[in-house]
Amino acid sequence: MELIFGSTEDEFLVRFASKRTPALRAGDIIMGTTMPRITFPFIRGAELDELIISHFDCGDEDGTFRGDLRQAVDRVKPGVFTSVCAWRIGYMNDHVRQAEVTLLVTVSPNSTTREDATQIITQLRATIIGYDNRLAGIAVEVAEMEILLAANHQNPKLLAHRDVMLGSYARPAVVGSSIGLGGDRMNTGTMGAIVRASTANGLDPKYFATTCSHVLSVGTEAPVVPGKAARAHTVVCPSDKDNLGWFIQAVNLLKCDAEDTEAAADRRLAVQHRRPVGTLFASSGLRSSADHGWIVDLALVKLDAAVGTSIGAACNIPSPESREKFKHSNATAYTLADLKQRDWQRRRGRYLTTAEITASLSKETMQRGEGPCVFKVGRTTGHTAGRLHCIYPSVTIPHIIDQSKLEVKGKAIAVCNHDSRRVFAECGDSGALVVNGHAEGVGMVIAMNYGSVANGTTLVSPFGPLLDYVKDVLTCGNPEAEVDIEYL
């Protein structure tokens, strides 16, 4: 049995697992919580094929069981917890289901020491053994780590009435987060790349986030020019649309008396969390670029100073071993740990030029599904893999802005789904950063060409024209300014 508790969000992750169960690797997703890759002696590496999560089912005793868990925490540190949830988590390993019981206990920040944590887990162990004596005799291991909550909506799904917002919020915001204009309950999209702009000598850096202009539409098809907007438009993460949905889920928990305390805590989390991340700085509108007619649909968000100086971990790339494995396979060979690892160095992001992208797709014999692998992390579909398919010389993208239909024609990159089981992107992923296996930027998701899972394509705008627009905006009136792009 293991207890992992965080020094920032101060969460307990209590794992009851036999030594035969494949050890969980830090960096995997647990109950909507993304754990940074930190190595502990007791965490052993294991190839995990499939993540399995379900609510811990105690039948008619479920409410009593959860109440007993809360009391166990209170006996050690009265009043420090905000929620305690019990789940069963397991993995498919060699096609055999390996199951274990997981408890997630969220406590007030800076309220618990390692000694307290050890006592709490001892109490929880005694409580759960009363429901399942097979756990008797399992050793207790305790570790401390920082836990960063995922800010996108693609955390593992739980039962609808249990899907509380433990994974819906993050400070700071991360690439792949849900994003939208404050006050707009209709539109939502994805936070894409992070742009760092500084002067020629590297002083006074400013941070910007990118997404699609139609995601942050201010009710007009006209571009938003820096300093010329009628008012400052606040950008929030998650978007009002998503935040409202998660808030309603928390409110619905109040229907169950046994859940009252936890639901109230979740509601307070929804209200108290500081969601604004910046303001809308500029927007291109929906147009084609002067550079060979590529479609541009870009919005720049100037991040608040507190966000820009401590930007969260962003789009992660697979390990070299997994990239090699994926290259020779038509099946999705990446494990969840591969797609979530955070042990690669922060780098100055290099992006592929349009010429390089065109060259990689120039084979006359290229068939669908044989192009280079690319990856993205989005608000709706999370981490997915796809393949570069072709460059559409002329596509029409329609968008509804202020109840008016706006269309633009231009070139775009087509990305097909990696296999027939999962789409590369869906509605809500607009703005998502697309990278190749070397963390080189390919572009940004701008639209979906809906079809079957096997035949659907995603339209991507390449980075070259996007950065040309960014440079035009950021160097206006300051020709010495330099624009660097980093994937953080």
Protein backbone atom coordinates (compact mmCIF):
# COMPACT_ATOMS: atom_id res chain seq x y z
CA MET A 1 0.00 0.00 0.00
CA GLU A 2 1.42 3.37 -0.97
CA LEU A 3 0.63 6.97 -0.16
CA ILE A 4 1.69 9.78 -2.44
CA PHE A 5 0.85 13.30 -1.35
CA GLY A 6 1.59 16.58 -3.08
CA SER A 7 3.48 19.57 -1.78
CA THR A 8 1.60 22.07 -3.95
CA GLU A 9 -1.98 20.91 -4.32
CA ASP A 10 -1.50 18.75 -1.22
CA GLU A 11 -3.29 15.66 -2.39
CA PHE A 12 -3.07 12.15 -1.11
CA LEU A 13 -2.99 9.31 -3.57
CA VAL A 14 -3.37 6.12 -1.56
CA ARG A 15 -2.67 2.93 -3.49
CA PHE A 16 -3.46 -0.52 -2.16
CA ALA A 17 -1.54 -2.85 -4.43
CA SER A 18 0.02 -6.26 -4.15
CA LYS A 19 3.65 -6.70 -5.13
CA ARG A 20 2.45 -8.69 -8.13
CA THR A 21 0.69 -5.66 -9.56
CA PRO A 22 2.75 -3.73 -12.14
CA ALA A 23 4.04 -0.65 -10.36
CA LEU A 24 2.62 2.67 -11.43
CA ARG A 25 5.06 5.07 -13.02
CA ALA A 26 5.01 8.73 -12.04
CA GLY A 27 3.75 10.66 -15.04
CA ASP A 28 0.71 8.47 -15.64
CA ILE A 29 -2.77 9.87 -15.21
CA ILE A 30 -4.52 9.03 -11.96
CA MET A 31 -8.07 10.20 -11.37
CA GLY A 32 -7.61 13.24 -13.54
CA THR A 33 -4.31 14.09 -11.87
CA THR A 34 -1.13 14.38 -13.93
CA MET A 35 1.90 13.58 -11.81
CA PRO A 36 5.28 14.98 -12.88
CA ARG A 37 7.88 12.35 -13.68
CA ILE A 38 9.81 12.02 -10.42
CA THR A 39 11.69 8.82 -9.63
CA PHE A 40 11.18 7.08 -6.29
CA PRO A 41 12.96 3.89 -5.23
CA PHE A 42 9.76 1.92 -4.86
CA ILE A 43 8.29 2.87 -8.26
CA ARG A 44 9.41 0.26 -10.74
CA GLY A 45 9.07 0.74 -14.48
CA ALA A 46 6.53 -1.41 -16.29
CA GLU A 47 5.05 -1.44 -19.77
CA LEU A 48 1.38 -0.73 -19.25
CA ASP A 49 -0.90 -1.52 -22.16
CA GLU A 50 -4.21 -0.05 -21.06
CA LEU A 51 -5.46 2.07 -18.20
CA ILE A 52 -8.55 0.80 -16.40
CA ILE A 53 -10.44 2.97 -13.95
CA SER A 54 -13.79 2.43 -12.28
CA HIS A 55 -15.50 3.56 -9.14
CA PHE A 56 -14.84 1.37 -6.11
CA ASP A 57 -18.11 -0.49 -5.74
CA CYS A 58 -19.19 -1.41 -2.22
CA GLY A 59 -22.77 -1.94 -3.30
CA ASP A 60 -25.37 -0.64 -0.87
CA GLU A 61 -22.63 0.13 1.64
CA ASP A 62 -20.92 2.65 -0.62
CA GLY A 63 -22.15 5.77 1.20
CA THR A 64 -21.22 4.26 4.56
CA PHE A 65 -17.80 3.28 3.23
CA ARG A 66 -17.02 6.80 2.06
CA GLY A 67 -18.21 8.21 5.38
CA ASP A 68 -15.90 5.83 7.22
CA LEU A 69 -12.98 7.03 5.10
CA ARG A 70 -13.70 10.65 5.97
CA GLN A 71 -13.86 9.80 9.65
CA ALA A 72 -10.52 7.99 9.39
CA VAL A 73 -8.89 11.17 8.10
CA ASP A 74 -10.61 13.30 10.75
CA ARG A 75 -9.28 11.12 13.54
CA VAL A 76 -5.76 12.23 12.63
CA LYS A 77 -6.24 15.78 11.31
CA PRO A 78 -9.77 17.06 11.90
CA GLY A 79 -11.08 19.37 9.22
CA VAL A 80 -8.11 19.27 6.84
CA PHE A 81 -9.64 17.19 4.07
CA THR A 82 -11.83 18.52 1.27
CA SER A 83 -12.73 15.22 -0.34
CA VAL A 84 -12.00 11.53 -0.22
CA CYS A 85 -12.89 9.26 -3.11
CA ALA A 86 -12.38 5.54 -3.54
CA TRP A 87 -11.69 4.06 -6.94
CA ARG A 88 -10.45 0.80 -8.39
CA ILE A 89 -7.61 1.25 -10.82
CA GLY A 90 -5.81 -1.40 -12.80
CA TYR A 91 -3.91 -2.16 -15.96
CA MET A 92 -3.99 -4.68 -18.77
CA ASN A 93 -0.61 -6.36 -18.64
CA ASP A 94 -0.02 -9.35 -20.94
CA HIS A 95 -3.79 -9.32 -21.53
CA VAL A 96 -4.42 -10.01 -17.83
CA ARG A 97 -6.28 -7.45 -15.80
CA GLN A 98 -4.23 -6.30 -12.82
CA ALA A 99 -6.53 -4.49 -10.38
CA GLU A 100 -5.91 -2.52 -7.24
CA VAL A 101 -7.79 -0.13 -4.99
CA THR A 102 -6.94 3.57 -5.05
CA LEU A 103 -7.98 6.27 -2.60
CA LEU A 104 -7.61 9.92 -3.49
CA VAL A 105 -7.70 12.23 -0.48
CA THR A 106 -7.51 15.98 -1.05
CA VAL A 107 -6.51 18.09 1.95
CA SER A 108 -6.08 21.78 2.65
CA PRO A 109 -2.75 23.24 1.42
CA ASN A 110 0.17 23.13 3.86
CA SER A 111 -1.90 21.30 6.44
CA THR A 112 -0.29 17.88 6.55
CA THR A 113 3.16 16.55 7.36
CA ARG A 114 4.72 13.24 6.41
CA GLU A 115 4.08 11.99 9.95
CA ASP A 116 0.40 12.95 9.67
CA ALA A 117 0.23 11.27 6.27
CA THR A 118 1.60 8.04 7.69
CA GLN A 119 -1.01 8.05 10.43
CA ILE A 120 -3.78 8.84 7.95
CA ILE A 121 -2.85 5.99 5.64
CA THR A 122 -2.72 3.63 8.61
CA GLN A 123 -6.26 4.64 9.54
CA LEU A 124 -7.43 4.30 5.93
CA ARG A 125 -5.81 0.88 5.67
CA ALA A 126 -7.62 -0.32 8.78
CA THR A 127 -10.90 1.06 7.44
CA ILE A 128 -10.70 -0.52 4.01
CA ILE A 129 -9.56 -3.89 5.39
CA GLY A 130 -12.92 -3.98 7.14
CA TYR A 131 -14.51 -4.10 3.69
CA ASP A 132 -11.92 -6.30 1.99
CA ASN A 133 -9.68 -8.38 4.27
CA ARG A 134 -7.60 -9.51 1.30
CA LEU A 135 -5.67 -6.26 1.77
CA ALA A 136 -4.49 -7.29 5.23
CA GLY A 137 -0.74 -7.68 5.44
CA ILE A 138 0.11 -5.38 2.53
CA ALA A 139 3.05 -3.16 3.38
CA VAL A 140 2.77 0.62 3.55
CA GLU A 141 5.10 2.86 1.56
CA VAL A 142 5.00 6.66 1.72
CA ALA A 143 6.43 9.15 -0.78
CA GLU A 144 6.15 12.88 -1.26
CA MET A 145 5.78 14.56 -4.62
CA GLU A 146 4.30 17.60 -6.28
CA ILE A 147 1.07 16.95 -8.15
CA LEU A 148 -0.07 19.21 -10.99
CA LEU A 149 -3.77 18.99 -11.80
CA ALA A 150 -4.56 18.56 -15.48
CA ALA A 151 -6.32 21.56 -16.98
CA ASN A 152 -7.99 19.87 -19.91
CA HIS A 153 -11.21 17.90 -19.91
CA GLN A 154 -9.65 14.63 -21.05
CA ASN A 155 -9.06 13.06 -17.69
CA PRO A 156 -10.19 9.44 -17.38
CA LYS A 157 -13.96 9.33 -17.26
CA LEU A 158 -15.61 8.10 -14.09
CA LEU A 159 -19.24 7.50 -13.29
CA ALA A 160 -21.19 10.62 -14.24
CA HIS A 161 -22.29 11.53 -10.72
CA ARG A 162 -18.78 10.92 -9.37
CA ASP A 163 -16.90 12.86 -12.02
CA VAL A 164 -15.90 15.67 -9.67
CA MET A 165 -13.57 18.41 -10.71
CA LEU A 166 -10.34 17.13 -9.23
CA GLY A 167 -8.73 17.29 -12.65
CA SER A 168 -10.44 20.33 -14.10
CA TYR A 169 -8.20 23.08 -12.79
CA ALA A 170 -4.55 23.99 -12.95
CA ARG A 171 -2.43 26.89 -11.88
CA PRO A 172 -0.52 27.70 -13.93
CA ALA A 173 -2.34 26.98 -17.18
CA VAL A 174 -0.88 24.29 -19.42
CA VAL A 175 -0.79 23.73 -23.14
CA GLY A 176 -3.83 21.66 -24.07
CA SER A 177 -6.07 23.41 -21.55
CA SER A 178 -9.64 24.43 -22.16
CA ILE A 179 -9.66 28.15 -22.96
CA GLY A 180 -12.26 30.79 -23.78
CA LEU A 181 -13.31 34.41 -23.38
CA GLY A 182 -14.63 35.41 -19.99
CA GLY A 183 -18.40 35.70 -20.15
CA ASP A 184 -18.71 33.53 -23.29
CA ARG A 185 -20.63 30.38 -22.37
CA MET A 186 -20.95 29.16 -25.96
CA ASN A 187 -17.41 28.84 -27.32
CA THR A 188 -14.43 26.89 -26.08
CA GLY A 189 -11.16 25.74 -27.56
CA THR A 190 -7.61 24.71 -26.73
CA MET A 191 -4.59 26.65 -25.53
CA GLY A 192 -1.86 25.97 -28.08
CA ALA A 193 1.79 27.03 -28.21
CA ILE A 194 3.45 29.47 -25.81
CA VAL A 195 5.27 32.38 -27.48
CA ARG A 196 7.96 34.28 -25.61
CA ALA A 197 8.65 37.75 -26.98
CA SER A 198 11.62 39.80 -25.84
CA THR A 199 13.81 42.67 -26.98
CA ALA A 200 17.01 42.13 -28.91
CA ASN A 201 19.04 41.81 -25.71
CA GLY A 202 16.59 39.30 -24.24
CA LEU A 203 15.27 41.64 -21.56
CA ASP A 204 11.67 42.22 -20.53
CA PRO A 205 10.23 38.93 -21.83
CA LYS A 206 6.49 38.71 -22.36
CA TYR A 207 4.55 35.50 -22.72
CA PHE A 208 1.66 34.81 -25.06
CA ALA A 209 -0.53 31.80 -25.64
CA THR A 210 -1.99 30.91 -29.03
CA THR A 211 -5.35 29.54 -30.04
CA CYS A 212 -7.78 30.02 -32.94
CA SER A 213 -9.38 33.41 -33.52
CA HIS A 214 -12.81 31.80 -33.85
CA VAL A 215 -12.38 30.36 -30.34
CA LEU A 216 -11.91 33.85 -28.88
CA SER A 217 -14.34 35.62 -31.21
CA VAL A 218 -15.50 38.97 -29.84
CA GLY A 219 -18.62 38.98 -32.01
CA THR A 220 -17.01 40.31 -35.16
CA GLU A 221 -15.14 38.85 -38.10
CA ALA A 222 -12.71 41.77 -38.11
CA PRO A 223 -9.21 41.18 -36.71
CA VAL A 224 -8.40 42.47 -33.23
CA VAL A 225 -5.51 44.94 -33.45
CA PRO A 226 -3.26 45.38 -30.38
CA GLY A 227 -4.27 48.44 -28.40
CA LYS A 228 -7.26 49.15 -30.64
CA ALA A 229 -9.89 46.97 -28.96
CA ALA A 230 -12.84 48.79 -27.44
CA ARG A 231 -12.18 47.05 -24.13
CA ALA A 232 -9.89 44.42 -22.69
CA HIS A 233 -11.26 40.92 -23.18
CA THR A 234 -10.36 38.57 -20.33
CA VAL A 235 -9.35 35.04 -21.27
CA VAL A 236 -10.11 32.26 -18.80
CA CYS A 237 -8.91 28.70 -18.31
CA PRO A 238 -10.95 26.58 -18.28
CA SER A 239 -13.54 28.29 -20.50
CA ASP A 240 -16.84 29.46 -19.05
CA LYS A 241 -18.59 26.74 -21.02
CA ASP A 242 -16.52 23.97 -19.46
CA ASN A 243 -16.38 25.55 -16.04
CA LEU A 244 -20.17 25.80 -15.98
CA GLY A 245 -20.49 22.13 -16.91
CA TRP A 246 -18.11 21.04 -14.18
CA PHE A 247 -19.79 23.37 -11.71
CA ILE A 248 -23.18 21.80 -12.46
CA GLN A 249 -21.68 18.35 -11.87
CA ALA A 250 -20.52 19.46 -8.44
CA VAL A 251 -23.91 20.97 -7.63
CA ASN A 252 -25.61 17.72 -8.63
CA LEU A 253 -23.57 15.90 -6.02
CA LEU A 254 -25.60 17.74 -3.39
CA LYS A 255 -28.56 15.52 -4.25
CA CYS A 256 -26.89 12.76 -2.25
CA ASP A 257 -26.73 13.53 1.48
CA ALA A 258 -23.71 11.30 1.94
CA GLU A 259 -21.82 13.43 -0.60
CA ASP A 260 -22.83 16.81 0.83
CA THR A 261 -19.51 17.77 2.39
CA GLU A 262 -17.47 16.77 -0.64
CA ALA A 263 -19.80 18.48 -3.10
CA ALA A 264 -19.65 21.71 -1.11
CA ALA A 265 -15.86 21.55 -1.20
CA ASP A 266 -15.91 21.01 -4.95
CA ARG A 267 -18.26 23.95 -5.41
CA ARG A 268 -15.89 26.15 -3.43
CA LEU A 269 -13.06 24.96 -5.64
CA ALA A 270 -15.03 26.02 -8.71
CA VAL A 271 -15.77 29.45 -7.27
CA GLN A 272 -12.44 30.20 -5.61
CA HIS A 273 -10.10 29.05 -8.36
CA ARG A 274 -8.57 32.02 -10.14
CA ARG A 275 -9.42 31.21 -13.74
CA PRO A 276 -8.35 34.34 -15.68
CA VAL A 277 -4.99 33.74 -17.36
CA GLY A 278 -4.64 36.86 -19.49
CA THR A 279 -6.27 39.14 -22.05
CA LEU A 280 -6.90 38.92 -25.78
CA PHE A 281 -3.95 40.76 -27.33
CA ALA A 282 -4.53 40.30 -31.06
CA SER A 283 -6.56 38.23 -33.48
CA SER A 284 -6.00 37.60 -37.18
CA GLY A 285 -9.59 36.79 -37.98
CA LEU A 286 -10.18 34.03 -40.50
CA ARG A 287 -8.10 34.75 -43.60
CA SER A 288 -5.48 33.40 -45.97
CA SER A 289 -1.85 34.43 -45.62
CA ALA A 290 0.21 36.41 -48.08
CA ASP A 291 2.65 33.49 -48.10
CA HIS A 292 1.20 31.11 -50.71
CA GLY A 293 -2.35 31.43 -49.38
CA TRP A 294 -2.16 29.33 -46.20
CA ILE A 295 -5.21 29.64 -43.96
CA VAL A 296 -4.53 31.70 -40.82
CA ASP A 297 -6.93 31.61 -37.87
CA LEU A 298 -4.85 32.82 -34.94
CA ALA A 299 -5.46 34.62 -31.65
CA LEU A 300 -2.75 35.79 -29.25
CA VAL A 301 -3.43 35.85 -25.52
CA LYS A 302 -1.13 38.01 -23.42
CA LEU A 303 -0.59 35.96 -20.30
CA ASP A 304 -0.69 37.54 -16.87
CA ALA A 305 2.74 37.97 -15.30
CA ALA A 306 2.02 35.37 -12.63
CA VAL A 307 1.15 32.85 -15.33
CA GLY A 308 3.90 33.68 -17.79
CA THR A 309 6.72 33.31 -15.27
CA SER A 310 5.70 29.80 -14.24
CA ILE A 311 4.07 28.19 -17.23
CA GLY A 312 3.03 24.61 -16.69
CA ALA A 313 4.40 21.59 -18.51
CA ALA A 314 3.07 21.44 -22.03
CA CYS A 315 2.74 19.09 -24.96
CA ASN A 316 4.79 16.00 -24.16
CA ILE A 317 6.58 13.84 -26.67
CA PRO A 318 7.07 10.07 -26.61
CA SER A 319 10.30 8.41 -25.62
CA PRO A 320 12.81 7.56 -28.39
CA GLU A 321 12.10 3.86 -27.86
CA SER A 322 8.39 4.36 -28.32
CA ARG A 323 8.88 6.57 -31.37
CA GLU A 324 10.89 3.78 -32.95
CA LYS A 325 8.19 1.26 -32.02
CA PHE A 326 5.47 3.49 -33.44
CA LYS A 327 7.38 4.01 -36.69
CA HIS A 328 7.14 0.34 -37.57
CA SER A 329 3.58 -0.22 -36.43
CA ASN A 330 0.17 0.72 -37.77
CA ALA A 331 -1.33 0.20 -34.33
CA THR A 332 -1.25 2.76 -31.58
CA ALA A 333 1.73 1.42 -29.68
CA TYR A 334 2.19 4.28 -27.27
CA THR A 335 1.42 3.65 -23.67
CA LEU A 336 -0.19 6.32 -21.56
CA ALA A 337 3.10 6.80 -19.77
CA ASP A 338 4.88 7.42 -23.08
CA LEU A 339 2.50 10.20 -24.02
CA LYS A 340 2.61 11.78 -20.58
CA GLN A 341 6.30 11.67 -19.75
CA ARG A 342 7.91 14.90 -18.61
CA ASP A 343 11.58 13.96 -18.45
CA TRP A 344 12.68 15.79 -21.59
CA GLN A 345 14.47 19.11 -21.36
CA ARG A 346 12.67 22.36 -21.94
CA ARG A 347 13.75 23.46 -25.37
CA ARG A 348 13.62 26.40 -27.69
CA GLY A 349 10.95 25.10 -30.02
CA ARG A 350 11.99 24.45 -33.57
CA TYR A 351 9.20 24.28 -36.11
CA LEU A 352 9.03 22.68 -39.52
CA THR A 353 8.92 25.11 -42.41
CA THR A 354 6.25 24.75 -45.06
CA ALA A 355 8.97 23.58 -47.46
CA GLU A 356 10.01 20.80 -45.06
CA ILE A 357 6.41 19.72 -44.59
CA THR A 358 5.84 19.70 -48.34
CA ALA A 359 9.02 17.68 -48.89
CA SER A 360 7.94 15.08 -46.34
CA LEU A 361 4.71 14.57 -48.29
CA SER A 362 6.13 14.55 -51.80
CA LYS A 363 6.28 10.78 -52.33
CA GLU A 364 4.16 9.81 -55.30
CA THR A 365 3.45 6.42 -53.79
CA MET A 366 2.26 7.80 -50.46
CA GLN A 367 -0.99 6.22 -49.44
CA ARG A 368 -3.30 7.25 -46.65
CA GLY A 369 -1.85 6.45 -43.25
CA GLU A 370 1.80 6.24 -44.36
CA GLY A 371 2.87 9.79 -43.57
CA PRO A 372 5.05 10.91 -40.64
CA CYS A 373 3.53 10.62 -37.16
CA VAL A 374 2.38 13.78 -35.40
CA PHE A 375 0.89 14.40 -31.96
CA LYS A 376 -1.33 16.92 -30.26
CA VAL A 377 -2.94 17.56 -26.90
CA GLY A 378 -6.39 19.12 -27.01
CA ARG A 379 -9.26 20.12 -24.80
CA THR A 380 -11.66 17.51 -26.20
CA THR A 381 -9.65 14.46 -27.23
CA GLY A 382 -6.54 14.93 -25.09
CA HIS A 383 -3.32 13.32 -26.29
CA THR A 384 -3.73 11.72 -29.72
CA ALA A 385 -1.52 10.58 -32.57
CA GLY A 386 -2.10 11.07 -36.28
CA ARG A 387 -0.24 11.00 -39.58
CA LEU A 388 0.49 13.75 -42.05
CA HIS A 389 -1.55 12.93 -45.11
CA CYS A 390 -1.28 15.68 -47.71
CA ILE A 391 -1.55 19.40 -48.34
CA TYR A 392 -4.94 20.52 -49.55
CA PRO A 393 -4.31 23.21 -52.20
CA SER A 394 -7.72 24.79 -51.64
CA VAL A 395 -10.20 24.14 -48.85
CA THR A 396 -13.15 26.15 -47.61
CA ILE A 397 -13.59 26.61 -43.87
CA PRO A 398 -16.90 28.03 -42.64
CA HIS A 399 -17.40 29.54 -39.20
CA ILE A 400 -20.43 31.14 -37.59
CA ILE A 401 -19.47 34.49 -36.05
CA ASP A 402 -22.14 36.70 -34.52
CA GLN A 403 -24.82 34.59 -36.25
CA SER A 404 -23.18 35.23 -39.63
CA LYS A 405 -21.46 32.60 -41.74
CA LEU A 406 -17.87 33.44 -42.64
CA GLU A 407 -15.88 31.38 -45.12
CA VAL A 408 -12.25 31.43 -46.12
CA LYS A 409 -10.45 29.51 -48.87
CA GLY A 410 -6.80 28.57 -48.71
CA LYS A 411 -4.20 25.87 -48.22
CA ALA A 412 -4.05 23.61 -45.18
CA ILE A 413 -2.25 20.49 -43.98
CA ALA A 414 -4.41 17.39 -43.72
CA VAL A 415 -3.74 15.02 -40.81
CA CYS A 416 -5.48 11.67 -40.87
CA ASN A 417 -6.30 9.53 -37.85
CA HIS A 418 -3.57 7.12 -36.85
CA ASP A 419 -5.91 4.15 -36.81
CA SER A 420 -9.59 3.31 -36.99
CA ARG A 421 -10.12 3.41 -33.22
CA ARG A 422 -9.62 7.06 -32.34
CA VAL A 423 -9.93 10.40 -34.11
CA PHE A 424 -7.05 12.85 -34.11
CA ALA A 425 -9.18 15.87 -33.17
CA GLU A 426 -12.77 16.91 -32.60
CA CYS A 427 -14.74 20.08 -31.97
CA GLY A 428 -13.12 21.91 -29.03
CA ASP A 429 -9.58 20.97 -30.09
CA SER A 430 -9.26 24.09 -32.24
CA GLY A 431 -5.99 25.82 -31.42
CA ALA A 432 -4.22 22.65 -30.29
CA LEU A 433 -0.47 22.51 -30.83
CA VAL A 434 0.64 19.79 -33.28
CA VAL A 435 4.21 18.48 -33.02
CA ASN A 436 6.21 15.65 -34.53
CA GLY A 437 8.10 12.99 -32.60
CA HIS A 438 11.06 15.34 -32.06
CA ALA A 439 8.92 18.05 -30.44
CA GLU A 440 9.24 20.17 -33.57
CA GLY A 441 6.18 22.29 -34.20
CA VAL A 442 4.10 21.30 -37.21
CA GLY A 443 1.19 23.68 -36.79
CA MET A 444 -2.12 24.35 -35.09
CA VAL A 445 -5.47 22.60 -35.42
CA ILE A 446 -7.94 24.92 -37.16
CA ALA A 447 -10.80 22.70 -38.35
CA MET A 448 -12.05 19.14 -38.66
CA ASN A 449 -13.13 17.53 -41.91
CA TYR A 450 -15.64 15.16 -40.41
CA GLY A 451 -15.98 11.65 -41.71
CA SER A 452 -15.71 8.18 -40.24
CA VAL A 453 -13.00 7.51 -37.68
CA ALA A 454 -11.09 5.67 -40.38
CA ASN A 455 -11.45 8.41 -43.01
CA GLY A 456 -11.85 11.67 -41.10
CA THR A 457 -9.15 14.33 -41.40
CA THR A 458 -8.04 17.30 -39.33
CA LEU A 459 -6.97 20.57 -40.95
CA VAL A 460 -3.79 22.13 -39.57
CA SER A 461 -2.29 25.54 -40.26
CA PRO A 462 1.54 25.37 -40.45
CA PHE A 463 3.71 27.35 -38.06
CA GLY A 464 5.50 29.44 -40.68
CA PRO A 465 2.56 31.67 -41.67
CA LEU A 466 1.35 31.77 -38.06
CA LEU A 467 4.70 33.06 -36.78
CA ASP A 468 4.86 35.57 -39.62
CA TYR A 469 1.62 37.01 -38.28
CA VAL A 470 2.92 36.92 -34.70
CA LYS A 471 6.09 38.76 -35.70
CA ASP A 472 4.13 41.37 -37.64
CA VAL A 473 1.98 42.01 -34.58
CA LEU A 474 4.70 41.98 -31.94
CA THR A 475 7.27 44.03 -33.86
CA CYS A 476 4.82 46.78 -34.78
CA GLY A 477 6.48 50.02 -33.68
CA ASN A 478 9.51 48.15 -32.33
CA PRO A 479 11.67 46.81 -35.17
CA GLU A 480 14.34 45.56 -32.74
CA ALA A 481 11.99 43.14 -31.04
CA GLU A 482 12.72 39.44 -31.36
CA VAL A 483 10.12 36.73 -31.21
CA ASP A 484 11.07 33.30 -29.90
CA ILE A 485 8.74 30.36 -29.55
CA GLU A 486 9.16 27.82 -26.78
CA TYR A 487 7.24 24.65 -26.00
CA LEU A 488 7.20 24.57 -22.22
